[in-house]
Amino acid sequence: MTRFLAILAACVVASAIPSRAAERPNIVVIMADDLGLGDVSFHVRSIQKQKPIVETPTLDALAARSLWFTDGHSATALCAPTRYAVMSGNNNYRSYAPWGVWSTFGQSAFKQGHATLGTVVRDAGYQTGFVGKWHLGGDFYVPGSEEIYRGKKNGDLTGKVDMTRLISGGPKDCGFDYDFTTPCGIQGPIYLLYENQVWSPLADDSHIVFLSEENAIDPKSISDKGPGLGDSNWDTREIGKLLSAKAADFIKHSAAGDDPFFLYYCSPMVHLPHCPPDEFDGKPIKGETPTRHLDMILDLDMQVKRIVDALDASGELQNTLIVVTSDNGGLSDGAAGKQGHFSNGGWNGNKNSPLEGGHRVPFFAVWPGHINPGITDELAVNQDLVATLAALVGTKIPDGQAMDSLNLLPLLLGQDDFQPRDYLAMQAGSKNEVMFRKEGWKLILQSDHQLSKFEPIALFNLDKNPTEHPAGNKVDDPAHAQRVEQLRNEYLRIRQSGQVSAEQPSLNFKALVQPVPASAKFIDPDYYIWGGSMARDADGKCHLLYSRWPRELGHNAWVTHSEIAHAVADDPLGPYTHVDVALPPRGSQYWDGMCTHNPTVHQFDGKYYLYYMGNFGDGNATAKLNSIHRNHQRIGVAVADNLSGPWKRFDQPVIDISESSDAPDALMTSNPSILRRADGTYVLIYKAVGKKGRLPFGGPVVHLAATSDSPTGPFTKQLKPLFTAPGVKFPAEDPYVWFDGQQCWAIVNDHNGHFNQTGEDSLALFTSNDGLDWSVASHPWVLQRKVTWADGSEQSFHRLERPQLWLENGVPKVLFCAAEETKQKTHSFNVHIPLTPIQ
């Protein structure tokens, strides 16, 4: 491959470089939004040899002094996944969200210890700043609590989420000393700006309101994504000016210091909505081109001008590496096309497409005196910036991170030791295509959101058919069948090459479990007590929801007489005092008419949700579990604004049996546990019994998952048994599941110690990336059937199960278990086990 197609000039003038950082240049990376190759007039004029419809003088001036990549690509064909890849140096499928789209309230994909674009430069002693569109999620509190909001972003969320500050998951956590951001650009919602993760009002009279076309200063500022919370003075026409002014201020203040600086500027232009300003620093913008879309390109060019002017005014322009790129290919604009403007720059496809126009983007680098201006056809991807900047500043990237980032520095500096990229693996956009390119051949595969398939749909020889004309699609050509199979297999091998490692300890309950104080035993002489779940209200009061039934009826009367009761305490460990019955059985006309049992309580978005199992039958106390009541078990949820109630429940179960007699939950459902994932969706795990076993009790007993966008459903069942072991019948029971902000966990009753190798009933730990596919954790031991009391004595139990946790910001603090001392089952109670030392 020819490295340089044209060398325009080469001039190294060492005396022109400031001595403060002669070998430590400042760095400015500019990421445009939806900017295609054809949107930069340098490309149209110099590469396509055509007359541009839109002129970009600032970008052109930089491009003329740059090394320009004709085979430069965004990491994907869509916004947010590219931003993850550029920040991390990893293909987006290595994160917990395989398609890599993070809403405003989505959990960040970055864990403590991950190398990022910010950390590799900051760790070399640079001042670092991030200005512009973030779009990588973040953590905001539910008002009046320390619960992280993970709900929807659209609609009127007034009172449901505290938007005054970003708690975590923003630029600061990715290595940036300073940030001025809009969480999701100009497309909203949310229509707010944050400086150093605190809301930055646009004017003195600004308020956070539900912003819609009816009350926005410019109705066109409300994007096709819909209305949402925003600054009452939000005006998309002015956002580019404000962001670029903040970028210029960062440069000015940083240049006055002793350390070099790094600015990552992510302009939200030229994304929808297209709301160009009337003018920008005296230059007319609106109406200067055939379309509002193309006017936004002028807006972007003026933003870049401000940055370049700030570098020049500070005396740092000659000692600054400037890299310009885009998050994906350009937009399709029919009106502009009629005037001769095509954002894809002569390639086929646009943003969101697996074709070249979807991801071939402007990509060029300028460093006067160090990078020889010219044009290269070497393959490069903007996620290569992590490795490139790390090499430039001398930071070592830990093993297992930035796994898909290639060091371009030798190429940029014209050195002979450059190792070129020999393949390209990436996703397209919302239609779930992926592509793999090697040795001139490009294979496009059709996947789905669950990544359950990778079906070849196109094969192009880019050397002979660079515009990917459909007539040149060889995917069904028998002569290329072997090539299709080889490319597909290599793509899958690379894709399965591993998840990103992070320097953080695994969850280890053996190191967490503490001696239990005597007051952490909740017992009632008149009742069996079983399965307690605790939540803390805004005043710090601890509320325990638990099952109980009269002791005089015997242990097995839970199936006919259990009720969910309510106790309170000032401390999570107790002592607890019974207050009332929160959820009694409702009578034979209801599905939960005879029994309410095994509660688990959660707070989501300011409301409390109590999940439980109920049943109906003849209501007669039973000496042993009978099919009349057992097979009528179903799962419900009750909702309240306060943990003291009242609780509103529904007339129908939230998880009923499946209609198909072949389904693994065709006979009964029970014992729910629920978590909310980073994307705001819910996974409910439940116990189930099918009809394939001998009736009336059926079988086998399994655990299944169901997903929903709402805590009250409707839930979509995933009928794949969980927590299984080959050749072992019923190995686990009653999981408690949670999401700690990074991954999903489950504690299960491990029958016979199969998973943690104890040889007896105990509790074991599982982990999952998505809450659906579970594996035994690296430290599976949680608890055996004994506790150590605070006085040093040990007590063994016949049963110690029904685990529930009290979590503080996703961290386990107290393990609640139901306990039974003897095989005779004459009494039962709850034990509350501290997981941190008692102060």
Foldseek 3Di string as FASTA:
>chain_A
DDFFPDFDDADADQVLADPLPSLNFFEEEEAEAQFFQLLAQLLCCPPVVHGHQAYLVLVNVQQQQWAWAQQEWQQALDFQQSLVLQFFLDRSCLFLQNQGFEDQAFFARDDAFGATLQALQVVLPAQEEEFEEWRRHFFWDQPLDRDTAQADFADELVNLTDQQFTPDNTVVSSHHPWYWYDHGGQQDVVAFIDTVGGTDAPDPPWDWGFDALVQAPHNQSHHPVHTGTHISPRDNQCPLVVRLVVLLVVLQVRLPDSHHYYYYYYHHPPDPPLDHHCAHPPHGQPPPGQDSSSSSSNSVSSSSVSNLVSCVVSSRNQRYKYKYKYNWAHDDDPRVVVVPRDSLSPAPDGRLDPGSRSISITIIIHHPSFFRNGYGNFNYYSSLSSVQVSVSSVGDRDPQTSVNHAHCNCSRRVHDPGDGDAKRWHYGHDQQKIWIDGPQKIWIFGADSVRPDTHTDFIARCVVCVRPDVVRGCCVPPVCVVVNVVRVVVNVCVSVVHHGDRPDDDDAQVQFFDAFAPLLWAFDPFKFKFAWAWDADSVQKIKIWTWIFGLVLFDQQQLFGIFIFIWIANDNSDDTDTDGGQGGADDQVAQQNGHWHNWYWDDHSQKIKIKTKGHHAPRDRDPHDDLRRQQSIAMWMWIANDSVDNTHTDRDHLGAADPDLPFQANRYKGQWAKEAHSNQKMKIKIWGHGQCADPPVHDDIFIWIWIASDPSDNTHTDRDGPPDDPPDGCQWDRWHWYDLSRWIKIKTFGDLCPLVPPRHTAIFMWIGSNNHHIDGTPNTHNTDQWHQHPVGDIAGFPDWDSWYFDDDSSHGFKIKTKTHHDPSRSHIIIGIIGRHDDD
